[in-house]
Amino acid sequence: MNPQCARCGKIVYPTEKVSCLDKNWHKGCFHCEVCKMTLNMKNYKGYDKKPYCNAHYPKTSFTIVADTPENLRLRQQSELQSQVRLWPRPAYFLCNKYNLFKLPFLSSSDAQ
């Protein structure tokens, strides 16, 4: 028994049969899903068991690497660090109680 066309469902006879993408097609029914340009075995591209011309072949999208859990954590950490303000360290303490206002001080490592 002759197979049915994947596009129109009618019987496909051997003289007009195109076997491609695990299906059988009439020569006239084997066309691009988008622009309806008639295709042949040399100029078609298959995607999801459907024929496309080169211009309308679907572009596959890829997962964005920036959305991995590790990269999200690093981005959040970077945002938090950018909010921290590093004030300039003064070379003196402000102490009004002992009248040490604007006098230089030494750390324990500087005193030795």
N, C-alpha and C. Protein backbone atom coordinates (compact mmCIF):
# COMPACT_ATOMS: atom_id res chain seq x y z
N MET A 1 0.85 -1.19 0.00
CA MET A 1 0.00 0.00 0.00
C MET A 1 0.89 1.24 0.00
N ASN A 2 0.47 2.25 -0.72
CA ASN A 2 1.24 3.49 -0.83
C ASN A 2 1.02 4.36 0.41
N PRO A 3 2.07 5.07 0.86
CA PRO A 3 1.96 5.91 2.06
C PRO A 3 1.18 7.20 1.78
N GLN A 4 0.81 7.87 2.87
CA GLN A 4 0.11 9.15 2.76
C GLN A 4 1.10 10.30 2.87
N CYS A 5 0.75 11.41 2.24
CA CYS A 5 1.58 12.62 2.29
C CYS A 5 1.48 13.25 3.67
N ALA A 6 2.60 13.67 4.20
CA ALA A 6 2.63 14.30 5.52
C ALA A 6 1.95 15.67 5.52
N ARG A 7 1.85 16.32 4.37
CA ARG A 7 1.24 17.65 4.28
C ARG A 7 -0.26 17.56 4.00
N CYS A 8 -0.63 16.90 2.92
CA CYS A 8 -2.03 16.93 2.48
C CYS A 8 -2.82 15.68 2.87
N GLY A 9 -2.14 14.61 3.23
CA GLY A 9 -2.82 13.39 3.66
C GLY A 9 -3.26 12.48 2.53
N LYS A 10 -3.03 12.86 1.29
CA LYS A 10 -3.41 12.04 0.15
C LYS A 10 -2.34 10.98 -0.11
N ILE A 11 -2.68 9.99 -0.92
CA ILE A 11 -1.75 8.91 -1.24
C ILE A 11 -0.60 9.44 -2.09
N VAL A 12 0.61 9.01 -1.75
CA VAL A 12 1.82 9.41 -2.49
C VAL A 12 2.27 8.22 -3.32
N TYR A 13 2.27 8.40 -4.65
CA TYR A 13 2.71 7.35 -5.56
C TYR A 13 4.23 7.45 -5.74
N PRO A 14 4.88 6.34 -6.06
CA PRO A 14 6.35 6.31 -6.13
C PRO A 14 6.97 7.34 -7.07
N THR A 15 6.30 7.75 -8.13
CA THR A 15 6.89 8.70 -9.08
C THR A 15 6.94 10.12 -8.52
N GLU A 16 6.11 10.43 -7.56
CA GLU A 16 6.09 11.79 -7.00
C GLU A 16 6.48 11.82 -5.52
N LYS A 17 7.06 10.76 -5.03
CA LYS A 17 7.37 10.63 -3.61
C LYS A 17 8.73 11.26 -3.25
N VAL A 18 8.72 12.02 -2.16
CA VAL A 18 9.93 12.53 -1.53
C VAL A 18 9.91 11.99 -0.10
N SER A 19 10.89 11.18 0.25
CA SER A 19 10.98 10.63 1.61
C SER A 19 12.03 11.40 2.38
N CYS A 20 11.56 12.10 3.37
CA CYS A 20 12.47 12.96 4.13
C CYS A 20 11.87 13.23 5.50
N LEU A 21 12.72 13.46 6.49
CA LEU A 21 12.31 13.77 7.87
C LEU A 21 11.39 12.68 8.43
N ASP A 22 11.69 11.43 8.08
CA ASP A 22 10.91 10.27 8.52
C ASP A 22 9.45 10.32 8.06
N LYS A 23 9.19 11.03 6.97
CA LYS A 23 7.83 11.15 6.43
C LYS A 23 7.90 11.05 4.91
N ASN A 24 6.73 10.90 4.30
CA ASN A 24 6.63 10.87 2.84
C ASN A 24 5.83 12.09 2.39
N TRP A 25 6.26 12.69 1.29
CA TRP A 25 5.67 13.93 0.79
C TRP A 25 5.47 13.83 -0.72
N HIS A 26 4.48 14.58 -1.22
CA HIS A 26 4.42 14.84 -2.66
C HIS A 26 5.52 15.86 -2.95
N LYS A 27 6.04 15.86 -4.17
CA LYS A 27 7.08 16.86 -4.51
C LYS A 27 6.56 18.27 -4.31
N GLY A 28 5.31 18.53 -4.67
CA GLY A 28 4.72 19.86 -4.50
C GLY A 28 4.38 20.21 -3.07
N CYS A 29 4.19 19.21 -2.24
CA CYS A 29 3.85 19.45 -0.83
C CYS A 29 5.09 19.63 0.05
N PHE A 30 6.25 19.29 -0.49
CA PHE A 30 7.48 19.42 0.28
C PHE A 30 7.99 20.85 0.11
N HIS A 31 7.46 21.75 0.96
CA HIS A 31 7.82 23.17 0.86
C HIS A 31 8.08 23.74 2.25
N CYS A 32 8.67 24.93 2.26
CA CYS A 32 9.02 25.62 3.50
C CYS A 32 7.75 25.91 4.31
N GLU A 33 7.82 25.72 5.60
CA GLU A 33 6.69 25.98 6.49
C GLU A 33 6.32 27.46 6.52
N VAL A 34 7.26 28.34 6.24
CA VAL A 34 7.02 29.77 6.36
C VAL A 34 6.65 30.40 5.02
N CYS A 35 7.52 30.28 4.03
CA CYS A 35 7.33 30.99 2.76
C CYS A 35 6.72 30.12 1.66
N LYS A 36 6.54 28.84 1.92
CA LYS A 36 5.94 27.90 0.96
C LYS A 36 6.78 27.67 -0.29
N MET A 37 8.07 28.00 -0.27
CA MET A 37 8.94 27.73 -1.40
C MET A 37 9.13 26.22 -1.53
N THR A 38 8.99 25.70 -2.74
CA THR A 38 9.17 24.27 -2.97
C THR A 38 10.63 23.90 -2.73
N LEU A 39 10.81 22.84 -1.98
CA LEU A 39 12.16 22.40 -1.59
C LEU A 39 12.48 21.06 -2.24
N ASN A 40 13.75 20.71 -2.21
CA ASN A 40 14.18 19.38 -2.66
C ASN A 40 15.18 18.85 -1.65
N MET A 41 15.75 17.71 -1.94
CA MET A 41 16.66 17.07 -1.00
C MET A 41 17.96 17.85 -0.79
N LYS A 42 18.29 18.75 -1.68
CA LYS A 42 19.55 19.50 -1.58
C LYS A 42 19.41 20.83 -0.84
N ASN A 43 18.22 21.42 -0.84
CA ASN A 43 18.12 22.77 -0.28
C ASN A 43 17.20 22.87 0.94
N TYR A 44 16.78 21.79 1.53
CA TYR A 44 15.91 21.89 2.70
C TYR A 44 16.75 21.78 3.98
N LYS A 45 16.15 22.28 5.06
CA LYS A 45 16.70 22.09 6.41
C LYS A 45 15.54 21.65 7.28
N GLY A 46 15.73 20.59 8.02
CA GLY A 46 14.67 20.08 8.87
C GLY A 46 14.82 20.54 10.30
N TYR A 47 13.70 20.91 10.90
CA TYR A 47 13.67 21.28 12.31
C TYR A 47 12.34 20.80 12.88
N ASP A 48 12.38 20.02 13.92
CA ASP A 48 11.18 19.49 14.57
C ASP A 48 10.30 18.73 13.57
N LYS A 49 10.96 17.96 12.69
CA LYS A 49 10.31 17.13 11.66
C LYS A 49 9.51 17.95 10.65
N LYS A 50 9.89 19.21 10.45
CA LYS A 50 9.24 20.07 9.46
C LYS A 50 10.31 20.65 8.54
N PRO A 51 9.99 20.82 7.24
CA PRO A 51 10.98 21.35 6.30
C PRO A 51 10.98 22.89 6.28
N TYR A 52 12.18 23.46 6.17
CA TYR A 52 12.35 24.91 6.08
C TYR A 52 13.39 25.22 5.01
N CYS A 53 13.26 26.40 4.40
CA CYS A 53 14.33 26.86 3.52
C CYS A 53 15.44 27.44 4.40
N ASN A 54 16.55 27.75 3.81
CA ASN A 54 17.70 28.26 4.58
C ASN A 54 17.37 29.58 5.28
N ALA A 55 16.59 30.44 4.62
CA ALA A 55 16.28 31.76 5.19
C ALA A 55 15.35 31.67 6.39
N HIS A 56 14.49 30.68 6.44
CA HIS A 56 13.49 30.60 7.50
C HIS A 56 13.76 29.49 8.51
N TYR A 57 14.94 28.90 8.45
CA TYR A 57 15.29 27.86 9.41
C TYR A 57 15.33 28.47 10.81
N PRO A 58 14.57 27.92 11.77
CA PRO A 58 14.51 28.53 13.11
C PRO A 58 15.86 28.55 13.80
N LYS A 59 16.14 29.66 14.44
CA LYS A 59 17.36 29.81 15.22
C LYS A 59 17.07 29.31 16.62
N THR A 60 17.89 28.44 17.12
CA THR A 60 17.69 27.93 18.47
C THR A 60 18.26 28.91 19.47
N SER A 61 17.59 29.05 20.60
CA SER A 61 18.09 29.94 21.64
C SER A 61 18.85 29.12 22.67
N PHE A 62 19.82 29.73 23.30
CA PHE A 62 20.67 29.06 24.26
C PHE A 62 20.41 29.61 25.66
N THR A 63 20.71 28.83 26.64
CA THR A 63 20.59 29.26 28.02
C THR A 63 21.66 30.31 28.32
N ILE A 64 21.24 31.37 28.97
CA ILE A 64 22.18 32.42 29.34
C ILE A 64 23.02 31.93 30.51
N VAL A 65 24.31 31.98 30.36
CA VAL A 65 25.21 31.47 31.39
C VAL A 65 25.14 32.33 32.64
N ALA A 66 24.79 33.60 32.51
CA ALA A 66 24.74 34.50 33.65
C ALA A 66 23.66 34.12 34.65
N ASP A 67 22.71 33.27 34.27
CA ASP A 67 21.62 32.90 35.15
C ASP A 67 21.89 31.66 35.99
N THR A 68 23.11 31.19 36.02
CA THR A 68 23.43 30.04 36.87
C THR A 68 23.43 30.50 38.33
N PRO A 69 23.15 29.62 39.28
CA PRO A 69 23.11 30.02 40.69
C PRO A 69 24.40 30.67 41.18
N GLU A 70 25.53 30.15 40.74
CA GLU A 70 26.82 30.71 41.18
C GLU A 70 26.98 32.14 40.67
N ASN A 71 26.63 32.39 39.41
CA ASN A 71 26.77 33.73 38.86
C ASN A 71 25.77 34.70 39.48
N LEU A 72 24.57 34.23 39.83
CA LEU A 72 23.61 35.09 40.52
C LEU A 72 24.15 35.49 41.89
N ARG A 73 24.75 34.54 42.61
CA ARG A 73 25.33 34.84 43.92
C ARG A 73 26.46 35.85 43.79
N LEU A 74 27.31 35.68 42.79
CA LEU A 74 28.42 36.61 42.59
C LEU A 74 27.92 38.00 42.23
N ARG A 75 26.85 38.07 41.42
CA ARG A 75 26.30 39.38 41.05
C ARG A 75 25.73 40.08 42.28
N GLN A 76 25.01 39.33 43.14
CA GLN A 76 24.46 39.93 44.36
C GLN A 76 25.57 40.39 45.29
N GLN A 77 26.61 39.59 45.41
CA GLN A 77 27.74 39.96 46.26
C GLN A 77 28.41 41.22 45.73
N SER A 78 28.55 41.32 44.42
CA SER A 78 29.16 42.49 43.81
C SER A 78 28.31 43.74 44.05
N GLU A 79 26.98 43.58 43.97
CA GLU A 79 26.10 44.72 44.22
C GLU A 79 26.20 45.18 45.67
N LEU A 80 26.29 44.23 46.60
CA LEU A 80 26.43 44.60 48.01
C LEU A 80 27.75 45.30 48.27
N GLN A 81 28.82 44.82 47.66
CA GLN A 81 30.12 45.45 47.85
C GLN A 81 30.16 46.85 47.25
N SER A 82 29.43 47.07 46.19
CA SER A 82 29.44 48.39 45.58
C SER A 82 28.70 49.41 46.44
N GLN A 83 27.84 48.93 47.35
CA GLN A 83 27.11 49.84 48.23
C GLN A 83 27.91 50.22 49.47
N VAL A 84 28.98 49.50 49.76
CA VAL A 84 29.81 49.79 50.93
C VAL A 84 30.69 50.98 50.62
N ARG A 85 30.69 51.94 51.54
CA ARG A 85 31.54 53.11 51.36
C ARG A 85 32.75 52.99 52.27
N LEU A 86 33.88 53.09 51.69
CA LEU A 86 35.11 53.04 52.47
C LEU A 86 35.52 54.47 52.80
N TRP A 87 35.29 54.84 54.04
CA TRP A 87 35.64 56.19 54.46
C TRP A 87 37.14 56.27 54.64
N PRO A 88 37.71 57.41 54.36
CA PRO A 88 39.15 57.54 54.60
C PRO A 88 39.43 57.45 56.09
N ARG A 89 40.42 56.66 56.44
CA ARG A 89 40.77 56.51 57.85
C ARG A 89 41.54 57.75 58.30
N PRO A 90 41.08 58.37 59.35
CA PRO A 90 41.81 59.54 59.83
C PRO A 90 43.11 59.13 60.50
N ALA A 91 44.05 60.03 60.47
CA ALA A 91 45.35 59.77 61.12
C ALA A 91 45.29 60.15 62.59
N TYR A 92 44.11 60.51 63.08
CA TYR A 92 43.97 60.90 64.47
C TYR A 92 42.57 60.55 64.95
N PHE A 93 42.43 60.47 66.29
CA PHE A 93 41.12 60.28 66.90
C PHE A 93 40.58 61.63 67.29
N LEU A 94 39.26 61.70 67.36
CA LEU A 94 38.63 62.90 67.90
C LEU A 94 38.23 62.59 69.34
N CYS A 95 38.93 63.20 70.28
CA CYS A 95 38.67 62.94 71.69
C CYS A 95 38.66 64.26 72.43
N ASN A 96 37.50 64.66 72.85
CA ASN A 96 37.38 65.92 73.58
C ASN A 96 37.57 65.73 75.09
N LYS A 97 37.39 64.52 75.57
CA LYS A 97 37.47 64.26 77.00
C LYS A 97 38.88 64.45 77.53
N TYR A 98 39.88 63.96 76.81
CA TYR A 98 41.26 64.04 77.28
C TYR A 98 42.06 65.09 76.53
N ASN A 99 41.38 65.90 75.79
CA ASN A 99 42.02 66.99 75.06
C ASN A 99 43.10 66.46 74.11
N LEU A 100 42.74 65.42 73.38
CA LEU A 100 43.66 64.83 72.41
C LEU A 100 43.21 65.17 70.99
N PHE A 101 42.50 66.25 70.87
CA PHE A 101 41.93 66.61 69.57
C PHE A 101 43.03 66.82 68.53
N LYS A 102 42.97 66.07 67.45
CA LYS A 102 43.87 66.14 66.31
C LYS A 102 45.33 65.83 66.64
N LEU A 103 45.54 65.05 67.70
CA LEU A 103 46.90 64.60 67.98
C LEU A 103 47.11 63.25 67.29
N PRO A 104 48.26 63.03 66.69
CA PRO A 104 48.50 61.74 66.02
C PRO A 104 48.56 60.61 67.03
N PHE A 105 48.26 59.43 66.59
CA PHE A 105 48.31 58.26 67.45
C PHE A 105 49.11 57.18 66.77
N LEU A 106 49.55 56.24 67.57
CA LEU A 106 50.31 55.10 67.07
C LEU A 106 49.54 53.83 67.36
N SER A 107 49.58 52.93 66.42
CA SER A 107 48.99 51.62 66.69
C SER A 107 49.99 50.80 67.49
N SER A 108 49.59 49.66 67.99
CA SER A 108 50.49 48.83 68.80
C SER A 108 51.69 48.35 67.98
N SER A 109 51.53 48.15 66.69
CA SER A 109 52.66 47.71 65.86
C SER A 109 53.62 48.87 65.57
N ASP A 110 53.11 50.11 65.57
CA ASP A 110 53.97 51.27 65.33
C ASP A 110 54.79 51.65 66.56
N ALA A 111 54.30 51.31 67.76
CA ALA A 111 54.96 51.71 68.99
C ALA A 111 56.24 50.92 69.24
N GLN A 112 56.40 49.77 68.66
CA GLN A 112 57.58 48.96 68.95
C GLN A 112 58.75 49.33 68.11
